[in-house]
Amino acid sequence: MKRTDSIQGLYQSLDQLTGELETIGENESAATLRHRLHAVAWTSSSELLEELLALLPALSQSAKTSWPPNIQRHANDLQHAIRTLLSSQH
């Protein structure tokens, strides 16, 4: 996983997760994540981070099949990184 101690690093890691989801056939989850990252205009980085913090577990729960452990671990690591980034902004 790429460094996630900045918003840019987080974007790169989330793009990597999107590719991993596509690899396992979770195209709808990947498209949702890609849309939130690149098509929605966020008013602040905090707004984006809070949305992603809610979105990642929701995507995992709504997946057609259970995510493989490595992908689930990647998503969990990203949630931790998001929490860390949010706490540093407050």
PDB file of N, CA and C in Angstrom:
ATOM      1  N   MET A   1       0.847  -1.176   0.000  1.00  0.00           N
ATOM      2  CA  MET A   1       0.000   0.000   0.000  1.00  0.00           C
ATOM      3  C   MET A   1       0.890   1.234   0.000  1.00  0.00           C
ATOM      4  N   LYS A   2       0.495   2.224  -0.763  1.00  0.00           N
ATOM      5  CA  LYS A   2       1.239   3.470  -0.836  1.00  0.00           C
ATOM      6  C   LYS A   2       1.075   4.257   0.468  1.00  0.00           C
ATOM      7  N   ARG A   3       1.933   5.255   0.664  1.00  0.00           N
ATOM      8  CA  ARG A   3       1.825   6.103   1.855  1.00  0.00           C
ATOM      9  C   ARG A   3       0.469   6.786   1.881  1.00  0.00           C
ATOM     10  N   THR A   4      -0.107   6.836   3.052  1.00  0.00           N
ATOM     11  CA  THR A   4      -1.420   7.460   3.192  1.00  0.00           C
ATOM     12  C   THR A   4      -1.412   8.529   4.267  1.00  0.00           C
ATOM     13  N   ASP A   5      -0.277   9.221   4.393  1.00  0.00           N
ATOM     14  CA  ASP A   5      -0.197  10.275   5.405  1.00  0.00           C
ATOM     15  C   ASP A   5      -0.503  11.642   4.816  1.00  0.00           C
ATOM     16  N   SER A   6      -1.028  11.649   3.594  1.00  0.00           N
ATOM     17  CA  SER A   6      -1.460  12.884   2.944  1.00  0.00           C
ATOM     18  C   SER A   6      -2.673  12.563   2.088  1.00  0.00           C
ATOM     19  N   ILE A   7      -3.389  13.599   1.709  1.00  0.00           N
ATOM     20  CA  ILE A   7      -4.556  13.397   0.850  1.00  0.00           C
ATOM     21  C   ILE A   7      -4.128  12.782  -0.483  1.00  0.00           C
ATOM     22  N   GLN A   8      -3.034  13.265  -1.037  1.00  0.00           N
ATOM     23  CA  GLN A   8      -2.570  12.720  -2.320  1.00  0.00           C
ATOM     24  C   GLN A   8      -2.202  11.244  -2.186  1.00  0.00           C
ATOM     25  N   GLY A   9      -1.513  10.884  -1.121  1.00  0.00           N
ATOM     26  CA  GLY A   9      -1.175   9.479  -0.888  1.00  0.00           C
ATOM     27  C   GLY A   9      -2.417   8.633  -0.706  1.00  0.00           C
ATOM     28  N   LEU A  10      -3.408   9.207  -0.034  1.00  0.00           N
ATOM     29  CA  LEU A  10      -4.670   8.503   0.162  1.00  0.00           C
ATOM     30  C   LEU A  10      -5.352   8.256  -1.184  1.00  0.00           C
ATOM     31  N   TYR A  11      -5.385   9.265  -2.043  1.00  0.00           N
ATOM     32  CA  TYR A  11      -5.977   9.106  -3.372  1.00  0.00           C
ATOM     33  C   TYR A  11      -5.303   7.965  -4.118  1.00  0.00           C
ATOM     34  N   GLN A  12      -3.981   7.909  -4.066  1.00  0.00           N
ATOM     35  CA  GLN A  12      -3.245   6.852  -4.776  1.00  0.00           C
ATOM     36  C   GLN A  12      -3.609   5.479  -4.225  1.00  0.00           C
ATOM     37  N   SER A  13      -3.704   5.364  -2.913  1.00  0.00           N
ATOM     38  CA  SER A  13      -4.062   4.086  -2.306  1.00  0.00           C
ATOM     39  C   SER A  13      -5.498   3.696  -2.620  1.00  0.00           C
ATOM     40  N   LEU A  14      -6.377   4.679  -2.651  1.00  0.00           N
ATOM     41  CA  LEU A  14      -7.770   4.387  -2.990  1.00  0.00           C
ATOM     42  C   LEU A  14      -7.902   3.985  -4.464  1.00  0.00           C
ATOM     43  N   ASP A  15      -7.124   4.610  -5.329  1.00  0.00           N
ATOM     44  CA  ASP A  15      -7.111   4.190  -6.732  1.00  0.00           C
ATOM     45  C   ASP A  15      -6.598   2.760  -6.852  1.00  0.00           C
ATOM     46  N   GLN A  16      -5.605   2.417  -6.042  1.00  0.00           N
ATOM     47  CA  GLN A  16      -5.085   1.049  -6.035  1.00  0.00           C
ATOM     48  C   GLN A  16      -6.178   0.080  -5.575  1.00  0.00           C
ATOM     49  N   LEU A  17      -6.915   0.447  -4.541  1.00  0.00           N
ATOM     50  CA  LEU A  17      -8.016  -0.390  -4.062  1.00  0.00           C
ATOM     51  C   LEU A  17      -9.066  -0.551  -5.150  1.00  0.00           C
ATOM     52  N   THR A  18      -9.347   0.511  -5.877  1.00  0.00           N
ATOM     53  CA  THR A  18     -10.313   0.439  -6.970  1.00  0.00           C
ATOM     54  C   THR A  18      -9.885  -0.615  -7.992  1.00  0.00           C
ATOM     55  N   GLY A  19      -8.613  -0.618  -8.346  1.00  0.00           N
ATOM     56  CA  GLY A  19      -8.097  -1.620  -9.280  1.00  0.00           C
ATOM     57  C   GLY A  19      -8.210  -3.029  -8.722  1.00  0.00           C
ATOM     58  N   GLU A  20      -7.941  -3.186  -7.435  1.00  0.00           N
ATOM     59  CA  GLU A  20      -8.061  -4.495  -6.795  1.00  0.00           C
ATOM     60  C   GLU A  20      -9.511  -4.976  -6.829  1.00  0.00           C
ATOM     61  N   LEU A  21     -10.442  -4.071  -6.590  1.00  0.00           N
ATOM     62  CA  LEU A  21     -11.857  -4.441  -6.635  1.00  0.00           C
ATOM     63  C   LEU A  21     -12.267  -4.874  -8.037  1.00  0.00           C
ATOM     64  N   GLU A  22     -11.786  -4.169  -9.035  1.00  0.00           N
ATOM     65  CA  GLU A  22     -12.092  -4.554 -10.418  1.00  0.00           C
ATOM     66  C   GLU A  22     -11.529  -5.938 -10.733  1.00  0.00           C
ATOM     67  N   THR A  23     -10.361  -6.223 -10.211  1.00  0.00           N
ATOM     68  CA  THR A  23      -9.716  -7.519 -10.452  1.00  0.00           C
ATOM     69  C   THR A  23     -10.566  -8.682  -9.953  1.00  0.00           C
ATOM     70  N   ILE A  24     -11.287  -8.471  -8.844  1.00  0.00           N
ATOM     71  CA  ILE A  24     -12.119  -9.554  -8.302  1.00  0.00           C
ATOM     72  C   ILE A  24     -13.566  -9.471  -8.772  1.00  0.00           C
ATOM     73  N   GLY A  25     -13.838  -8.589  -9.736  1.00  0.00           N
ATOM     74  CA  GLY A  25     -15.181  -8.499 -10.298  1.00  0.00           C
ATOM     75  C   GLY A  25     -16.135  -7.598  -9.543  1.00  0.00           C
ATOM     76  N   GLU A  26     -15.641  -6.841  -8.596  1.00  0.00           N
ATOM     77  CA  GLU A  26     -16.483  -5.899  -7.845  1.00  0.00           C
ATOM     78  C   GLU A  26     -16.510  -4.552  -8.574  1.00  0.00           C
ATOM     79  N   ASN A  27     -16.996  -4.597  -9.819  1.00  0.00           N
ATOM     80  CA  ASN A  27     -16.974  -3.416 -10.679  1.00  0.00           C
ATOM     81  C   ASN A  27     -17.890  -2.302 -10.177  1.00  0.00           C
ATOM     82  N   GLU A  28     -19.014  -2.664  -9.603  1.00  0.00           N
ATOM     83  CA  GLU A  28     -19.931  -1.642  -9.085  1.00  0.00           C
ATOM     84  C   GLU A  28     -19.303  -0.902  -7.899  1.00  0.00           C
ATOM     85  N   SER A  29     -18.681  -1.649  -6.998  1.00  0.00           N
ATOM     86  CA  SER A  29     -18.003  -1.018  -5.856  1.00  0.00           C
ATOM     87  C   SER A  29     -16.862  -0.133  -6.340  1.00  0.00           C
ATOM     88  N   ALA A  30     -16.101  -0.633  -7.312  1.00  0.00           N
ATOM     89  CA  ALA A  30     -14.982   0.139  -7.857  1.00  0.00           C
ATOM     90  C   ALA A  30     -15.486   1.424  -8.512  1.00  0.00           C
ATOM     91  N   ALA A  31     -16.571   1.326  -9.261  1.00  0.00           N
ATOM     92  CA  ALA A  31     -17.126   2.511  -9.939  1.00  0.00           C
ATOM     93  C   ALA A  31     -17.631   3.531  -8.922  1.00  0.00           C
ATOM     94  N   THR A  32     -18.260   3.063  -7.860  1.00  0.00           N
ATOM     95  CA  THR A  32     -18.751   3.970  -6.817  1.00  0.00           C
ATOM     96  C   THR A  32     -17.593   4.703  -6.158  1.00  0.00           C
ATOM     97  N   LEU A  33     -16.563   3.960  -5.818  1.00  0.00           N
ATOM     98  CA  LEU A  33     -15.395   4.570  -5.185  1.00  0.00           C
ATOM     99  C   LEU A  33     -14.716   5.557  -6.129  1.00  0.00           C
ATOM    100  N   ARG A  34     -14.529   5.166  -7.378  1.00  0.00           N
ATOM    101  CA  ARG A  34     -13.896   6.056  -8.364  1.00  0.00           C
ATOM    102  C   ARG A  34     -14.716   7.337  -8.559  1.00  0.00           C
ATOM    103  N   HIS A  35     -16.038   7.201  -8.612  1.00  0.00           N
ATOM    104  CA  HIS A  35     -16.912   8.372  -8.778  1.00  0.00           C
ATOM    105  C   HIS A  35     -16.751   9.337  -7.598  1.00  0.00           C
ATOM    106  N   ARG A  36     -16.773   8.800  -6.375  1.00  0.00           N
ATOM    107  CA  ARG A  36     -16.642   9.660  -5.194  1.00  0.00           C
ATOM    108  C   ARG A  36     -15.295  10.369  -5.177  1.00  0.00           C
ATOM    109  N   LEU A  37     -14.264   9.676  -5.636  1.00  0.00           N
ATOM    110  CA  LEU A  37     -12.924  10.264  -5.616  1.00  0.00           C
ATOM    111  C   LEU A  37     -12.711  11.313  -6.687  1.00  0.00           C
ATOM    112  N   HIS A  38     -13.226  11.053  -7.885  1.00  0.00           N
ATOM    113  CA  HIS A  38     -12.825  11.860  -9.035  1.00  0.00           C
ATOM    114  C   HIS A  38     -13.941  12.656  -9.707  1.00  0.00           C
ATOM    115  N   ALA A  39     -15.197  12.391  -9.360  1.00  0.00           N
ATOM    116  CA  ALA A  39     -16.278  13.094 -10.049  1.00  0.00           C
ATOM    117  C   ALA A  39     -17.081  14.019  -9.142  1.00  0.00           C
ATOM    118  N   VAL A  40     -17.009  13.802  -7.858  1.00  0.00           N
ATOM    119  CA  VAL A  40     -17.771  14.636  -6.916  1.00  0.00           C
ATOM    120  C   VAL A  40     -16.900  15.813  -6.501  1.00  0.00           C
ATOM    121  N   ALA A  41     -17.488  16.986  -6.490  1.00  0.00           N
ATOM    122  CA  ALA A  41     -16.777  18.190  -6.040  1.00  0.00           C
ATOM    123  C   ALA A  41     -16.990  18.334  -4.528  1.00  0.00           C
ATOM    124  N   TRP A  42     -15.924  18.157  -3.769  1.00  0.00           N
ATOM    125  CA  TRP A  42     -15.999  18.252  -2.317  1.00  0.00           C
ATOM    126  C   TRP A  42     -15.647  19.670  -1.884  1.00  0.00           C
ATOM    127  N   THR A  43     -16.345  20.160  -0.874  1.00  0.00           N
ATOM    128  CA  THR A  43     -16.081  21.514  -0.401  1.00  0.00           C
ATOM    129  C   THR A  43     -14.853  21.575   0.503  1.00  0.00           C
ATOM    130  N   SER A  44     -14.483  20.418   1.072  1.00  0.00           N
ATOM    131  CA  SER A  44     -13.289  20.380   1.920  1.00  0.00           C
ATOM    132  C   SER A  44     -12.734  18.964   1.938  1.00  0.00           C
ATOM    133  N   SER A  45     -11.484  18.846   2.303  1.00  0.00           N
ATOM    134  CA  SER A  45     -10.905  17.510   2.406  1.00  0.00           C
ATOM    135  C   SER A  45     -11.557  16.734   3.552  1.00  0.00           C
ATOM    136  N   SER A  46     -11.968  17.431   4.595  1.00  0.00           N
ATOM    137  CA  SER A  46     -12.648  16.761   5.707  1.00  0.00           C
ATOM    138  C   SER A  46     -13.957  16.133   5.246  1.00  0.00           C
ATOM    139  N   GLU A  47     -14.680  16.827   4.399  1.00  0.00           N
ATOM    140  CA  GLU A  47     -15.940  16.295   3.874  1.00  0.00           C
ATOM    141  C   GLU A  47     -15.668  15.007   3.082  1.00  0.00           C
ATOM    142  N   LEU A  48     -14.649  15.026   2.247  1.00  0.00           N
ATOM    143  CA  LEU A  48     -14.275  13.841   1.475  1.00  0.00           C
ATOM    144  C   LEU A  48     -13.883  12.704   2.416  1.00  0.00           C
ATOM    145  N   LEU A  49     -13.039  12.987   3.387  1.00  0.00           N
ATOM    146  CA  LEU A  49     -12.570  11.943   4.294  1.00  0.00           C
ATOM    147  C   LEU A  49     -13.726  11.317   5.073  1.00  0.00           C
ATOM    148  N   GLU A  50     -14.639  12.135   5.540  1.00  0.00           N
ATOM    149  CA  GLU A  50     -15.791  11.606   6.277  1.00  0.00           C
ATOM    150  C   GLU A  50     -16.657  10.737   5.375  1.00  0.00           C
ATOM    151  N   GLU A  51     -16.837  11.152   4.132  1.00  0.00           N
ATOM    152  CA  GLU A  51     -17.608  10.352   3.177  1.00  0.00           C
ATOM    153  C   GLU A  51     -16.923   9.014   2.923  1.00  0.00           C
ATOM    154  N   LEU A  52     -15.614   9.027   2.733  1.00  0.00           N
ATOM    155  CA  LEU A  52     -14.872   7.793   2.477  1.00  0.00           C
ATOM    156  C   LEU A  52     -14.904   6.869   3.687  1.00  0.00           C
ATOM    157  N   LEU A  53     -14.853   7.437   4.872  1.00  0.00           N
ATOM    158  CA  LEU A  53     -14.892   6.644   6.094  1.00  0.00           C
ATOM    159  C   LEU A  53     -16.216   5.886   6.211  1.00  0.00           C
ATOM    160  N   ALA A  54     -17.291   6.473   5.747  1.00  0.00           N
ATOM    161  CA  ALA A  54     -18.595   5.796   5.734  1.00  0.00           C
ATOM    162  C   ALA A  54     -18.727   4.854   4.534  1.00  0.00           C
ATOM    163  N   LEU A  55     -18.134   5.234   3.414  1.00  0.00           N
ATOM    164  CA  LEU A  55     -18.304   4.478   2.171  1.00  0.00           C
ATOM    165  C   LEU A  55     -17.578   3.134   2.182  1.00  0.00           C
ATOM    166  N   LEU A  56     -16.356   3.092   2.655  1.00  0.00           N
ATOM    167  CA  LEU A  56     -15.572   1.852   2.562  1.00  0.00           C
ATOM    168  C   LEU A  56     -16.251   0.662   3.247  1.00  0.00           C
ATOM    169  N   PRO A  57     -16.705   0.783   4.495  1.00  0.00           N
ATOM    170  CA  PRO A  57     -17.385  -0.373   5.089  1.00  0.00           C
ATOM    171  C   PRO A  57     -18.711  -0.694   4.394  1.00  0.00           C
ATOM    172  N   ALA A  58     -19.393   0.327   3.905  1.00  0.00           N
ATOM    173  CA  ALA A  58     -20.656   0.084   3.197  1.00  0.00           C
ATOM    174  C   ALA A  58     -20.418  -0.707   1.916  1.00  0.00           C
ATOM    175  N   LEU A  59     -19.353  -0.394   1.199  1.00  0.00           N
ATOM    176  CA  LEU A  59     -19.032  -1.134  -0.017  1.00  0.00           C
ATOM    177  C   LEU A  59     -18.712  -2.587   0.306  1.00  0.00           C
ATOM    178  N   SER A  60     -17.950  -2.794   1.352  1.00  0.00           N
ATOM    179  CA  SER A  60     -17.576  -4.152   1.749  1.00  0.00           C
ATOM    180  C   SER A  60     -18.810  -4.962   2.134  1.00  0.00           C
ATOM    181  N   GLN A  61     -19.722  -4.352   2.864  1.00  0.00           N
ATOM    182  CA  GLN A  61     -20.924  -5.051   3.314  1.00  0.00           C
ATOM    183  C   GLN A  61     -21.884  -5.346   2.167  1.00  0.00           C
ATOM    184  N   SER A  62     -21.894  -4.491   1.153  1.00  0.00           N
ATOM    185  CA  SER A  62     -22.834  -4.687   0.045  1.00  0.00           C
ATOM    186  C   SER A  62     -22.225  -5.491  -1.107  1.00  0.00           C
ATOM    187  N   ALA A  63     -20.987  -5.929  -0.944  1.00  0.00           N
ATOM    188  CA  ALA A  63     -20.299  -6.677  -2.005  1.00  0.00           C
ATOM    189  C   ALA A  63     -21.049  -7.967  -2.322  1.00  0.00           C
ATOM    190  N   LYS A  64     -20.968  -8.366  -3.586  1.00  0.00           N
ATOM    191  CA  LYS A  64     -21.627  -9.597  -4.027  1.00  0.00           C
ATOM    192  C   LYS A  64     -21.011 -10.820  -3.354  1.00  0.00           C
ATOM    193  N   THR A  65     -19.722 -10.792  -3.127  1.00  0.00           N
ATOM    194  CA  THR A  65     -19.026 -11.864  -2.417  1.00  0.00           C
ATOM    195  C   THR A  65     -18.109 -11.214  -1.388  1.00  0.00           C
ATOM    196  N   SER A  66     -17.684 -11.992  -0.428  1.00  0.00           N
ATOM    197  CA  SER A  66     -16.754 -11.456   0.567  1.00  0.00           C
ATOM    198  C   SER A  66     -15.454 -11.064  -0.115  1.00  0.00           C
ATOM    199  N   TRP A  67     -14.921  -9.930   0.277  1.00  0.00           N
ATOM    200  CA  TRP A  67     -13.643  -9.502  -0.279  1.00  0.00           C
ATOM    201  C   TRP A  67     -12.551 -10.436   0.243  1.00  0.00           C
ATOM    202  N   PRO A  68     -11.586 -10.757  -0.598  1.00  0.00           N
ATOM    203  CA  PRO A  68     -10.443 -11.554  -0.121  1.00  0.00           C
ATOM    204  C   PRO A  68      -9.754 -10.833   1.040  1.00  0.00           C
ATOM    205  N   PRO A  69      -9.103 -11.594   1.919  1.00  0.00           N
ATOM    206  CA  PRO A  69      -8.482 -10.985   3.104  1.00  0.00           C
ATOM    207  C   PRO A  69      -7.527  -9.831   2.779  1.00  0.00           C
ATOM    208  N   ASN A  70      -6.744  -9.948   1.722  1.00  0.00           N
ATOM    209  CA  ASN A  70      -5.787  -8.881   1.407  1.00  0.00           C
ATOM    210  C   ASN A  70      -6.503  -7.583   1.018  1.00  0.00           C
ATOM    211  N   ILE A  71      -7.612  -7.689   0.313  1.00  0.00           N
ATOM    212  CA  ILE A  71      -8.356  -6.492  -0.083  1.00  0.00           C
ATOM    213  C   ILE A  71      -9.087  -5.915   1.125  1.00  0.00           C
ATOM    214  N   GLN A  72      -9.662  -6.763   1.951  1.00  0.00           N
ATOM    215  CA  GLN A  72     -10.330  -6.279   3.156  1.00  0.00           C
ATOM    216  C   GLN A  72      -9.329  -5.593   4.075  1.00  0.00           C
ATOM    217  N   ARG A  73      -8.131  -6.174   4.197  1.00  0.00           N
ATOM    218  CA  ARG A  73      -7.075  -5.571   5.028  1.00  0.00           C
ATOM    219  C   ARG A  73      -6.681  -4.204   4.464  1.00  0.00           C
ATOM    220  N   HIS A  74      -6.576  -4.108   3.130  1.00  0.00           N
ATOM    221  CA  HIS A  74      -6.239  -2.834   2.482  1.00  0.00           C
ATOM    222  C   HIS A  74      -7.317  -1.795   2.810  1.00  0.00           C
ATOM    223  N   ALA A  75      -8.574  -2.181   2.704  1.00  0.00           N
ATOM    224  CA  ALA A  75      -9.677  -1.260   3.016  1.00  0.00           C
ATOM    225  C   ALA A  75      -9.634  -0.853   4.489  1.00  0.00           C
ATOM    226  N   ASN A  76      -9.348  -1.806   5.376  1.00  0.00           N
ATOM    227  CA  ASN A  76      -9.252  -1.487   6.814  1.00  0.00           C
ATOM    228  C   ASN A  76      -8.091  -0.539   7.086  1.00  0.00           C
ATOM    229  N   ASP A  77      -6.962  -0.786   6.425  1.00  0.00           N
ATOM    230  CA  ASP A  77      -5.806   0.109   6.591  1.00  0.00           C
ATOM    231  C   ASP A  77      -6.137   1.520   6.110  1.00  0.00           C
ATOM    232  N   LEU A  78      -6.893   1.607   5.019  1.00  0.00           N
ATOM    233  CA  LEU A  78      -7.296   2.916   4.505  1.00  0.00           C
ATOM    234  C   LEU A  78      -8.225   3.626   5.482  1.00  0.00           C
ATOM    235  N   GLN A  79      -9.134   2.894   6.101  1.00  0.00           N
ATOM    236  CA  GLN A  79     -10.018   3.510   7.090  1.00  0.00           C
ATOM    237  C   GLN A  79      -9.213   4.062   8.255  1.00  0.00           C
ATOM    238  N   HIS A  80      -8.213   3.317   8.685  1.00  0.00           N
ATOM    239  CA  HIS A  80      -7.339   3.796   9.765  1.00  0.00           C
ATOM    240  C   HIS A  80      -6.598   5.069   9.335  1.00  0.00           C
ATOM    241  N   ALA A  81      -6.079   5.062   8.112  1.00  0.00           N
ATOM    242  CA  ALA A  81      -5.364   6.237   7.594  1.00  0.00           C
ATOM    243  C   ALA A  81      -6.296   7.443   7.502  1.00  0.00           C
ATOM    244  N   ILE A  82      -7.536   7.209   7.100  1.00  0.00           N
ATOM    245  CA  ILE A  82      -8.512   8.306   7.002  1.00  0.00           C
ATOM    246  C   ILE A  82      -8.783   8.885   8.388  1.00  0.00           C
ATOM    247  N   ARG A  83      -8.976   8.023   9.363  1.00  0.00           N
ATOM    248  CA  ARG A  83      -9.198   8.503  10.745  1.00  0.00           C
ATOM    249  C   ARG A  83      -8.014   9.342  11.225  1.00  0.00           C
ATOM    250  N   THR A  84      -6.803   8.896  10.901  1.00  0.00           N
ATOM    251  CA  THR A  84      -5.596   9.617  11.293  1.00  0.00           C
ATOM    252  C   THR A  84      -5.559  10.983  10.616  1.00  0.00           C
ATOM    253  N   LEU A  85      -5.849  11.017   9.324  1.00  0.00           N
ATOM    254  CA  LEU A  85      -5.856  12.303   8.596  1.00  0.00           C
ATOM    255  C   LEU A  85      -6.939  13.233   9.153  1.00  0.00           C
ATOM    256  N   LEU A  86      -8.097  12.691   9.453  1.00  0.00           N
ATOM    257  CA  LEU A  86      -9.171  13.523  10.017  1.00  0.00           C
ATOM    258  C   LEU A  86      -8.764  14.098  11.366  1.00  0.00           C
ATOM    259  N   SER A  87      -8.144  13.277  12.205  1.00  0.00           N
ATOM    260  CA  SER A  87      -7.770  13.772  13.531  1.00  0.00           C
ATOM    261  C   SER A  87      -6.680  14.849  13.438  1.00  0.00           C
ATOM    262  N   SER A  88      -5.856  14.776  12.416  1.00  0.00           N
ATOM    263  CA  SER A  88      -4.803  15.799  12.253  1.00  0.00           C
ATOM    264  C   SER A  88      -5.355  17.110  11.710  1.00  0.00           C
ATOM    265  N   GLN A  89      -6.558  17.067  11.153  1.00  0.00           N
ATOM    266  CA  GLN A  89      -7.162  18.290  10.614  1.00  0.00           C
ATOM    267  C   GLN A  89      -7.959  19.054  11.650  1.00  0.00           C
ATOM    268  N   HIS A  90      -8.240  18.424  12.762  1.00  0.00           N
ATOM    269  CA  HIS A  90      -9.064  19.078  13.794  1.00  0.00           C
ATOM    270  C   HIS A  90      -8.223  19.610  14.910  1.00  0.00           C
TER     271      HIS A  90
END
